[in-house]
Amino acid sequence: MRDNNPALLEHAERLIKGRLYEEARQLLASYLRTHRNSDLGWYLMSYTLTDREERIRCLERALDIYPYNMDAQERLDKLKIGGSKTQTIPPFILDE
């Protein structure tokens, strides 16, 4: 299922790119309480967490919702084979 609030997700993405992870996490947690089937929300949430297993769970949830989310699949694969030490986020909402 694709998301119906791109402005909020764009804001969360900007926060992540600005390394404001706690603020992004709070915004996304609130969003995901009412939009549990947001694959993009779960994907973005994976960038705000420090625990590897929690990031993996977010990405698996995103892929359960929308199996064609290639960014989530690529990130999940990297985490499962040793983890990504960088917190870069590919733009899928913002074209910068």
PDB file of N, CA and C in Angstrom:
ATOM      1  N   MET A   1       0.857  -1.177   0.000  1.00  0.00           N
ATOM      2  CA  MET A   1       0.000   0.000   0.000  1.00  0.00           C
ATOM      3  C   MET A   1       0.900   1.236   0.000  1.00  0.00           C
ATOM      4  N   ARG A   2       0.658   2.131  -0.878  1.00  0.00           N
ATOM      5  CA  ARG A   2       1.426   3.376  -0.945  1.00  0.00           C
ATOM      6  C   ARG A   2       0.786   4.396  -0.013  1.00  0.00           C
ATOM      7  N   ASP A   3       1.520   5.384   0.358  1.00  0.00           N
ATOM      8  CA  ASP A   3       1.096   6.294   1.407  1.00  0.00           C
ATOM      9  C   ASP A   3       0.256   7.455   0.918  1.00  0.00           C
ATOM     10  N   ASN A   4      -0.593   7.929   1.827  1.00  0.00           N
ATOM     11  CA  ASN A   4      -1.495   9.024   1.492  1.00  0.00           C
ATOM     12  C   ASN A   4      -1.117  10.333   2.161  1.00  0.00           C
ATOM     13  N   ASN A   5       0.051  10.406   2.770  1.00  0.00           N
ATOM     14  CA  ASN A   5       0.501  11.652   3.394  1.00  0.00           C
ATOM     15  C   ASN A   5       1.958  11.916   3.029  1.00  0.00           C
ATOM     16  N   PRO A   6       2.208  12.197   1.750  1.00  0.00           N
ATOM     17  CA  PRO A   6       3.602  12.381   1.336  1.00  0.00           C
ATOM     18  C   PRO A   6       4.283  13.574   1.997  1.00  0.00           C
ATOM     19  N   ALA A   7       3.544  14.621   2.362  1.00  0.00           N
ATOM     20  CA  ALA A   7       4.163  15.791   2.987  1.00  0.00           C
ATOM     21  C   ALA A   7       4.799  15.411   4.328  1.00  0.00           C
ATOM     22  N   LEU A   8       4.106  14.634   5.131  1.00  0.00           N
ATOM     23  CA  LEU A   8       4.656  14.214   6.418  1.00  0.00           C
ATOM     24  C   LEU A   8       5.883  13.332   6.214  1.00  0.00           C
ATOM     25  N   LEU A   9       5.824  12.425   5.254  1.00  0.00           N
ATOM     26  CA  LEU A   9       6.957  11.545   4.993  1.00  0.00           C
ATOM     27  C   LEU A   9       8.140  12.327   4.420  1.00  0.00           C
ATOM     28  N   GLU A  10       7.870  13.319   3.617  1.00  0.00           N
ATOM     29  CA  GLU A  10       8.944  14.176   3.111  1.00  0.00           C
ATOM     30  C   GLU A  10       9.614  14.914   4.274  1.00  0.00           C
ATOM     31  N   HIS A  11       8.812  15.375   5.213  1.00  0.00           N
ATOM     32  CA  HIS A  11       9.357  16.061   6.387  1.00  0.00           C
ATOM     33  C   HIS A  11      10.231  15.096   7.194  1.00  0.00           C
ATOM     34  N   ALA A  12       9.754  13.885   7.393  1.00  0.00           N
ATOM     35  CA  ALA A  12      10.534  12.884   8.129  1.00  0.00           C
ATOM     36  C   ALA A  12      11.841  12.600   7.398  1.00  0.00           C
ATOM     37  N   GLU A  13      11.793  12.518   6.085  1.00  0.00           N
ATOM     38  CA  GLU A  13      13.008  12.272   5.306  1.00  0.00           C
ATOM     39  C   GLU A  13      14.004  13.421   5.470  1.00  0.00           C
ATOM     40  N   ARG A  14      13.508  14.645   5.465  1.00  0.00           N
ATOM     41  CA  ARG A  14      14.388  15.806   5.674  1.00  0.00           C
ATOM     42  C   ARG A  14      15.048  15.752   7.057  1.00  0.00           C
ATOM     43  N   LEU A  15      14.269  15.375   8.062  1.00  0.00           N
ATOM     44  CA  LEU A  15      14.824  15.256   9.411  1.00  0.00           C
ATOM     45  C   LEU A  15      15.934  14.207   9.452  1.00  0.00           C
ATOM     46  N   ILE A  16      15.695  13.091   8.784  1.00  0.00           N
ATOM     47  CA  ILE A  16      16.700  12.022   8.751  1.00  0.00           C
ATOM     48  C   ILE A  16      17.958  12.510   8.038  1.00  0.00           C
ATOM     49  N   LYS A  17      17.775  13.157   6.911  1.00  0.00           N
ATOM     50  CA  LYS A  17      18.932  13.669   6.176  1.00  0.00           C
ATOM     51  C   LYS A  17      19.685  14.713   6.993  1.00  0.00           C
ATOM     52  N   GLY A  18      18.982  15.425   7.857  1.00  0.00           N
ATOM     53  CA  GLY A  18      19.605  16.403   8.752  1.00  0.00           C
ATOM     54  C   GLY A  18      20.129  15.784  10.036  1.00  0.00           C
ATOM     55  N   ARG A  19      20.052  14.459  10.123  1.00  0.00           N
ATOM     56  CA  ARG A  19      20.526  13.700  11.288  1.00  0.00           C
ATOM     57  C   ARG A  19      19.746  14.015  12.561  1.00  0.00           C
ATOM     58  N   LEU A  20      18.514  14.422  12.400  1.00  0.00           N
ATOM     59  CA  LEU A  20      17.634  14.671  13.540  1.00  0.00           C
ATOM     60  C   LEU A  20      16.784  13.413  13.757  1.00  0.00           C
ATOM     61  N   TYR A  21      17.469  12.344  14.118  1.00  0.00           N
ATOM     62  CA  TYR A  21      16.840  11.023  14.180  1.00  0.00           C
ATOM     63  C   TYR A  21      15.749  10.926  15.234  1.00  0.00           C
ATOM     64  N   GLU A  22      15.972  11.498  16.401  1.00  0.00           N
ATOM     65  CA  GLU A  22      14.965  11.415  17.469  1.00  0.00           C
ATOM     66  C   GLU A  22      13.681  12.124  17.055  1.00  0.00           C
ATOM     67  N   GLU A  23      13.820  13.297  16.476  1.00  0.00           N
ATOM     68  CA  GLU A  23      12.640  14.036  16.018  1.00  0.00           C
ATOM     69  C   GLU A  23      11.909  13.264  14.919  1.00  0.00           C
ATOM     70  N   ALA A  24      12.661  12.700  14.002  1.00  0.00           N
ATOM     71  CA  ALA A  24      12.056  11.896  12.924  1.00  0.00           C
ATOM     72  C   ALA A  24      11.371  10.657  13.494  1.00  0.00           C
ATOM     73  N   ARG A  25      12.019  10.016  14.479  1.00  0.00           N
ATOM     74  CA  ARG A  25      11.445   8.814  15.101  1.00  0.00           C
ATOM     75  C   ARG A  25      10.109   9.135  15.760  1.00  0.00           C
ATOM     76  N   GLN A  26      10.041  10.242  16.479  1.00  0.00           N
ATOM     77  CA  GLN A  26       8.790  10.628  17.133  1.00  0.00           C
ATOM     78  C   GLN A  26       7.696  10.922  16.107  1.00  0.00           C
ATOM     79  N   LEU A  27       8.051  11.635  15.060  1.00  0.00           N
ATOM     80  CA  LEU A  27       7.086  11.944  14.004  1.00  0.00           C
ATOM     81  C   LEU A  27       6.569  10.676  13.342  1.00  0.00           C
ATOM     82  N   LEU A  28       7.480   9.771  13.012  1.00  0.00           N
ATOM     83  CA  LEU A  28       7.084   8.528  12.344  1.00  0.00           C
ATOM     84  C   LEU A  28       6.309   7.597  13.273  1.00  0.00           C
ATOM     85  N   ALA A  29       6.668   7.567  14.547  1.00  0.00           N
ATOM     86  CA  ALA A  29       5.934   6.724  15.499  1.00  0.00           C
ATOM     87  C   ALA A  29       4.480   7.175  15.575  1.00  0.00           C
ATOM     88  N   SER A  30       4.281   8.468  15.631  1.00  0.00           N
ATOM     89  CA  SER A  30       2.918   9.002  15.655  1.00  0.00           C
ATOM     90  C   SER A  30       2.181   8.658  14.355  1.00  0.00           C
ATOM     91  N   TYR A  31       2.850   8.844  13.249  1.00  0.00           N
ATOM     92  CA  TYR A  31       2.260   8.546  11.941  1.00  0.00           C
ATOM     93  C   TYR A  31       1.893   7.061  11.819  1.00  0.00           C
ATOM     94  N   LEU A  32       2.796   6.199  12.246  1.00  0.00           N
ATOM     95  CA  LEU A  32       2.568   4.759  12.091  1.00  0.00           C
ATOM     96  C   LEU A  32       1.490   4.222  13.027  1.00  0.00           C
ATOM     97  N   ARG A  33       1.165   4.948  14.088  1.00  0.00           N
ATOM     98  CA  ARG A  33       0.052   4.522  14.946  1.00  0.00           C
ATOM     99  C   ARG A  33      -1.265   4.543  14.176  1.00  0.00           C
ATOM    100  N   THR A  34      -1.401   5.474  13.254  1.00  0.00           N
ATOM    101  CA  THR A  34      -2.650   5.581  12.492  1.00  0.00           C
ATOM    102  C   THR A  34      -2.513   5.104  11.050  1.00  0.00           C
ATOM    103  N   HIS A  35      -1.278   4.855  10.614  1.00  0.00           N
ATOM    104  CA  HIS A  35      -1.027   4.385   9.243  1.00  0.00           C
ATOM    105  C   HIS A  35      -0.136   3.145   9.295  1.00  0.00           C
ATOM    106  N   ARG A  36      -0.629   2.113   9.932  1.00  0.00           N
ATOM    107  CA  ARG A  36       0.154   0.897  10.154  1.00  0.00           C
ATOM    108  C   ARG A  36       0.593   0.220   8.861  1.00  0.00           C
ATOM    109  N   ASN A  37      -0.106   0.491   7.778  1.00  0.00           N
ATOM    110  CA  ASN A  37       0.208  -0.152   6.504  1.00  0.00           C
ATOM    111  C   ASN A  37       0.994   0.759   5.571  1.00  0.00           C
ATOM    112  N   SER A  38       1.832   1.585   6.151  1.00  0.00           N
ATOM    113  CA  SER A  38       2.672   2.486   5.370  1.00  0.00           C
ATOM    114  C   SER A  38       4.056   1.875   5.194  1.00  0.00           C
ATOM    115  N   ASP A  39       4.294   1.292   4.042  1.00  0.00           N
ATOM    116  CA  ASP A  39       5.616   0.705   3.815  1.00  0.00           C
ATOM    117  C   ASP A  39       6.705   1.783   3.864  1.00  0.00           C
ATOM    118  N   LEU A  40       6.415   2.950   3.337  1.00  0.00           N
ATOM    119  CA  LEU A  40       7.411   4.022   3.348  1.00  0.00           C
ATOM    120  C   LEU A  40       7.665   4.532   4.766  1.00  0.00           C
ATOM    121  N   GLY A  41       6.612   4.555   5.578  1.00  0.00           N
ATOM    122  CA  GLY A  41       6.780   4.945   6.974  1.00  0.00           C
ATOM    123  C   GLY A  41       7.696   3.983   7.719  1.00  0.00           C
ATOM    124  N   TRP A  42       7.503   2.689   7.522  1.00  0.00           N
ATOM    125  CA  TRP A  42       8.345   1.689   8.178  1.00  0.00           C
ATOM    126  C   TRP A  42       9.770   1.741   7.632  1.00  0.00           C
ATOM    127  N   TYR A  43       9.902   1.969   6.333  1.00  0.00           N
ATOM    128  CA  TYR A  43      11.224   2.091   5.725  1.00  0.00           C
ATOM    129  C   TYR A  43      11.986   3.269   6.346  1.00  0.00           C
ATOM    130  N   LEU A  44      11.339   4.412   6.418  1.00  0.00           N
ATOM    131  CA  LEU A  44      11.984   5.581   7.014  1.00  0.00           C
ATOM    132  C   LEU A  44      12.302   5.345   8.488  1.00  0.00           C
ATOM    133  N   MET A  45      11.394   4.691   9.193  1.00  0.00           N
ATOM    134  CA  MET A  45      11.616   4.416  10.616  1.00  0.00           C
ATOM    135  C   MET A  45      12.907   3.621  10.814  1.00  0.00           C
ATOM    136  N   SER A  46      13.237   2.763   9.875  1.00  0.00           N
ATOM    137  CA  SER A  46      14.453   1.958  10.017  1.00  0.00           C
ATOM    138  C   SER A  46      15.706   2.817  10.084  1.00  0.00           C
ATOM    139  N   TYR A  47      15.659   4.035   9.562  1.00  0.00           N
ATOM    140  CA  TYR A  47      16.807   4.933   9.611  1.00  0.00           C
ATOM    141  C   TYR A  47      16.924   5.684  10.929  1.00  0.00           C
ATOM    142  N   THR A  48      15.893   5.642  11.734  1.00  0.00           N
ATOM    143  CA  THR A  48      15.907   6.400  12.988  1.00  0.00           C
ATOM    144  C   THR A  48      16.318   5.547  14.186  1.00  0.00           C
ATOM    145  N   LEU A  49      16.443   4.265  13.984  1.00  0.00           N
ATOM    146  CA  LEU A  49      16.714   3.333  15.076  1.00  0.00           C
ATOM    147  C   LEU A  49      18.187   2.961  15.140  1.00  0.00           C
ATOM    148  N   THR A  50      18.670   2.680  16.331  1.00  0.00           N
ATOM    149  CA  THR A  50      20.060   2.285  16.488  1.00  0.00           C
ATOM    150  C   THR A  50      20.226   0.775  16.587  1.00  0.00           C
ATOM    151  N   ASP A  51      19.194   0.075  17.034  1.00  0.00           N
ATOM    152  CA  ASP A  51      19.272  -1.368  17.191  1.00  0.00           C
ATOM    153  C   ASP A  51      19.086  -2.060  15.838  1.00  0.00           C
ATOM    154  N   ARG A  52      20.057  -2.859  15.451  1.00  0.00           N
ATOM    155  CA  ARG A  52      20.033  -3.548  14.156  1.00  0.00           C
ATOM    156  C   ARG A  52      18.781  -4.416  13.987  1.00  0.00           C
ATOM    157  N   GLU A  53      18.421  -5.161  15.013  1.00  0.00           N
ATOM    158  CA  GLU A  53      17.253  -6.049  14.922  1.00  0.00           C
ATOM    159  C   GLU A  53      15.961  -5.257  14.741  1.00  0.00           C
ATOM    160  N   GLU A  54      15.862  -4.116  15.390  1.00  0.00           N
ATOM    161  CA  GLU A  54      14.673  -3.270  15.228  1.00  0.00           C
ATOM    162  C   GLU A  54      14.609  -2.712  13.807  1.00  0.00           C
ATOM    163  N   ARG A  55      15.759  -2.332  13.260  1.00  0.00           N
ATOM    164  CA  ARG A  55      15.788  -1.853  11.870  1.00  0.00           C
ATOM    165  C   ARG A  55      15.339  -2.952  10.925  1.00  0.00           C
ATOM    166  N   ILE A  56      15.823  -4.165  11.169  1.00  0.00           N
ATOM    167  CA  ILE A  56      15.436  -5.302  10.333  1.00  0.00           C
ATOM    168  C   ILE A  56      13.935  -5.534  10.422  1.00  0.00           C
ATOM    169  N   ARG A  57      13.367  -5.479  11.622  1.00  0.00           N
ATOM    170  CA  ARG A  57      11.920  -5.689  11.774  1.00  0.00           C
ATOM    171  C   ARG A  57      11.123  -4.628  11.011  1.00  0.00           C
ATOM    172  N   CYS A  58      11.568  -3.381  11.053  1.00  0.00           N
ATOM    173  CA  CYS A  58      10.880  -2.319  10.314  1.00  0.00           C
ATOM    174  C   CYS A  58      10.907  -2.601   8.813  1.00  0.00           C
ATOM    175  N   LEU A  59      12.054  -3.008   8.323  1.00  0.00           N
ATOM    176  CA  LEU A  59      12.179  -3.276   6.889  1.00  0.00           C
ATOM    177  C   LEU A  59      11.364  -4.497   6.472  1.00  0.00           C
ATOM    178  N   GLU A  60      11.343  -5.512   7.306  1.00  0.00           N
ATOM    179  CA  GLU A  60      10.514  -6.687   7.004  1.00  0.00           C
ATOM    180  C   GLU A  60       9.042  -6.309   6.993  1.00  0.00           C
ATOM    181  N   ARG A  61       8.649  -5.443   7.912  1.00  0.00           N
ATOM    182  CA  ARG A  61       7.260  -4.973   7.938  1.00  0.00           C
ATOM    183  C   ARG A  61       6.937  -4.203   6.656  1.00  0.00           C
ATOM    184  N   ALA A  62       7.847  -3.325   6.235  1.00  0.00           N
ATOM    185  CA  ALA A  62       7.650  -2.563   4.998  1.00  0.00           C
ATOM    186  C   ALA A  62       7.477  -3.507   3.817  1.00  0.00           C
ATOM    187  N   LEU A  63       8.280  -4.563   3.770  1.00  0.00           N
ATOM    188  CA  LEU A  63       8.206  -5.504   2.645  1.00  0.00           C
ATOM    189  C   LEU A  63       6.985  -6.410   2.727  1.00  0.00           C
ATOM    190  N   ASP A  64       6.504  -6.687   3.920  1.00  0.00           N
ATOM    191  CA  ASP A  64       5.242  -7.433   4.052  1.00  0.00           C
ATOM    192  C   ASP A  64       4.098  -6.624   3.455  1.00  0.00           C
ATOM    193  N   ILE A  65       4.149  -5.323   3.648  1.00  0.00           N
ATOM    194  CA  ILE A  65       3.094  -4.433   3.164  1.00  0.00           C
ATOM    195  C   ILE A  65       3.209  -4.224   1.660  1.00  0.00           C
ATOM    196  N   TYR A  66       4.424  -3.972   1.199  1.00  0.00           N
ATOM    197  CA  TYR A  66       4.644  -3.678  -0.222  1.00  0.00           C
ATOM    198  C   TYR A  66       5.931  -4.366  -0.669  1.00  0.00           C
ATOM    199  N   PRO A  67       5.825  -5.592  -1.174  1.00  0.00           N
ATOM    200  CA  PRO A  67       7.010  -6.381  -1.528  1.00  0.00           C
ATOM    201  C   PRO A  67       7.872  -5.778  -2.632  1.00  0.00           C
ATOM    202  N   TYR A  68       7.361  -4.792  -3.339  1.00  0.00           N
ATOM    203  CA  TYR A  68       8.102  -4.201  -4.450  1.00  0.00           C
ATOM    204  C   TYR A  68       8.938  -2.988  -4.028  1.00  0.00           C
ATOM    205  N   ASN A  69       9.050  -2.739  -2.741  1.00  0.00           N
ATOM    206  CA  ASN A  69       9.861  -1.628  -2.237  1.00  0.00           C
ATOM    207  C   ASN A  69      11.331  -2.058  -2.316  1.00  0.00           C
ATOM    208  N   MET A  70      11.958  -1.749  -3.433  1.00  0.00           N
ATOM    209  CA  MET A  70      13.329  -2.192  -3.683  1.00  0.00           C
ATOM    210  C   MET A  70      14.348  -1.521  -2.754  1.00  0.00           C
ATOM    211  N   ASP A  71      14.079  -0.291  -2.341  1.00  0.00           N
ATOM    212  CA  ASP A  71      14.979   0.374  -1.389  1.00  0.00           C
ATOM    213  C   ASP A  71      14.981  -0.373  -0.061  1.00  0.00           C
ATOM    214  N   ALA A  72      13.802  -0.774   0.397  1.00  0.00           N
ATOM    215  CA  ALA A  72      13.705  -1.523   1.653  1.00  0.00           C
ATOM    216  C   ALA A  72      14.398  -2.877   1.516  1.00  0.00           C
ATOM    217  N   GLN A  73      14.220  -3.541   0.382  1.00  0.00           N
ATOM    218  CA  GLN A  73      14.843  -4.846   0.185  1.00  0.00           C
ATOM    219  C   GLN A  73      16.364  -4.728   0.163  1.00  0.00           C
ATOM    220  N   GLU A  74      16.872  -3.725  -0.521  1.00  0.00           N
ATOM    221  CA  GLU A  74      18.322  -3.526  -0.590  1.00  0.00           C
ATOM    222  C   GLU A  74      18.903  -3.224   0.794  1.00  0.00           C
ATOM    223  N   ARG A  75      18.220  -2.372   1.538  1.00  0.00           N
ATOM    224  CA  ARG A  75      18.692  -2.038   2.884  1.00  0.00           C
ATOM    225  C   ARG A  75      18.633  -3.261   3.799  1.00  0.00           C
ATOM    226  N   LEU A  76      17.572  -4.032   3.696  1.00  0.00           N
ATOM    227  CA  LEU A  76      17.444  -5.244   4.506  1.00  0.00           C
ATOM    228  C   LEU A  76      18.567  -6.223   4.184  1.00  0.00           C
ATOM    229  N   ASP A  77      18.846  -6.410   2.906  1.00  0.00           N
ATOM    230  CA  ASP A  77      19.926  -7.318   2.509  1.00  0.00           C
ATOM    231  C   ASP A  77      21.257  -6.877   3.108  1.00  0.00           C
ATOM    232  N   LYS A  78      21.541  -5.579   3.068  1.00  0.00           N
ATOM    233  CA  LYS A  78      22.795  -5.061   3.623  1.00  0.00           C
ATOM    234  C   LYS A  78      22.865  -5.288   5.132  1.00  0.00           C
ATOM    235  N   LEU A  79      21.765  -5.048   5.819  1.00  0.00           N
ATOM    236  CA  LEU A  79      21.756  -5.249   7.268  1.00  0.00           C
ATOM    237  C   LEU A  79      21.945  -6.712   7.630  1.00  0.00           C
ATOM    238  N   LYS A  80      21.365  -7.590   6.848  1.00  0.00           N
ATOM    239  CA  LYS A  80      21.448  -9.014   7.166  1.00  0.00           C
ATOM    240  C   LYS A  80      22.825  -9.603   6.886  1.00  0.00           C
ATOM    241  N   ILE A  81      23.591  -8.987   5.981  1.00  0.00           N
ATOM    242  CA  ILE A  81      24.922  -9.537   5.691  1.00  0.00           C
ATOM    243  C   ILE A  81      26.032  -8.810   6.425  1.00  0.00           C
ATOM    244  N   GLY A  82      25.697  -8.007   7.381  1.00  0.00           N
ATOM    245  CA  GLY A  82      26.749  -7.389   8.161  1.00  0.00           C
ATOM    246  C   GLY A  82      26.463  -5.974   8.569  1.00  0.00           C
ATOM    247  N   GLY A  83      25.438  -5.416   8.047  1.00  0.00           N
ATOM    248  CA  GLY A  83      25.044  -4.093   8.481  1.00  0.00           C
ATOM    249  C   GLY A  83      25.677  -2.977   7.689  1.00  0.00           C
ATOM    250  N   SER A  84      24.972  -1.898   7.648  1.00  0.00           N
ATOM    251  CA  SER A  84      25.439  -0.690   7.001  1.00  0.00           C
ATOM    252  C   SER A  84      25.866   0.284   8.075  1.00  0.00           C
ATOM    253  N   LYS A  85      27.078   0.760   7.990  1.00  0.00           N
ATOM    254  CA  LYS A  85      27.573   1.689   8.992  1.00  0.00           C
ATOM    255  C   LYS A  85      27.161   3.122   8.686  1.00  0.00           C
ATOM    256  N   THR A  86      26.677   3.359   7.490  1.00  0.00           N
ATOM    257  CA  THR A  86      26.277   4.715   7.129  1.00  0.00           C
ATOM    258  C   THR A  86      24.781   4.886   7.316  1.00  0.00           C
ATOM    259  N   GLN A  87      24.382   6.110   7.499  1.00  0.00           N
ATOM    260  CA  GLN A  87      22.978   6.442   7.658  1.00  0.00           C
ATOM    261  C   GLN A  87      22.486   7.244   6.458  1.00  0.00           C
ATOM    262  N   THR A  88      23.036   6.961   5.287  1.00  0.00           N
ATOM    263  CA  THR A  88      22.565   7.674   4.108  1.00  0.00           C
ATOM    264  C   THR A  88      21.222   7.108   3.701  1.00  0.00           C
ATOM    265  N   ILE A  89      20.409   7.945   3.142  1.00  0.00           N
ATOM    266  CA  ILE A  89      19.076   7.535   2.722  1.00  0.00           C
ATOM    267  C   ILE A  89      18.887   7.909   1.270  1.00  0.00           C
ATOM    268  N   PRO A  90      18.589   6.932   0.434  1.00  0.00           N
ATOM    269  CA  PRO A  90      18.366   7.267  -0.973  1.00  0.00           C
ATOM    270  C   PRO A  90      17.067   8.061  -1.118  1.00  0.00           C
ATOM    271  N   PRO A  91      17.079   9.076  -1.955  1.00  0.00           N
ATOM    272  CA  PRO A  91      15.851   9.855  -2.107  1.00  0.00           C
ATOM    273  C   PRO A  91      14.802   9.073  -2.881  1.00  0.00           C
ATOM    274  N   PHE A  92      13.701   8.820  -2.245  1.00  0.00           N
ATOM    275  CA  PHE A  92      12.592   8.188  -2.959  1.00  0.00           C
ATOM    276  C   PHE A  92      11.371   9.092  -2.907  1.00  0.00           C
ATOM    277  N   ILE A  93      11.411  10.072  -2.040  1.00  0.00           N
ATOM    278  CA  ILE A  93      10.311  11.036  -1.955  1.00  0.00           C
ATOM    279  C   ILE A  93      10.784  12.372  -2.504  1.00  0.00           C
ATOM    280  N   LEU A  94      11.932  12.809  -2.037  1.00  0.00           N
ATOM    281  CA  LEU A  94      12.474  14.106  -2.459  1.00  0.00           C
ATOM    282  C   LEU A  94      13.413  13.917  -3.628  1.00  0.00           C
ATOM    283  N   ASP A  95      13.347  14.788  -4.570  1.00  0.00           N
ATOM    284  CA  ASP A  95      14.287  14.768  -5.693  1.00  0.00           C
ATOM    285  C   ASP A  95      15.293  15.868  -5.471  1.00  0.00           C
ATOM    286  N   GLU A  96      16.402  15.512  -4.848  1.00  0.00           N
ATOM    287  CA  GLU A  96      17.443  16.499  -4.568  1.00  0.00           C
ATOM    288  C   GLU A  96      18.688  16.155  -5.328  1.00  0.00           C
TER     289      GLU A  96
END
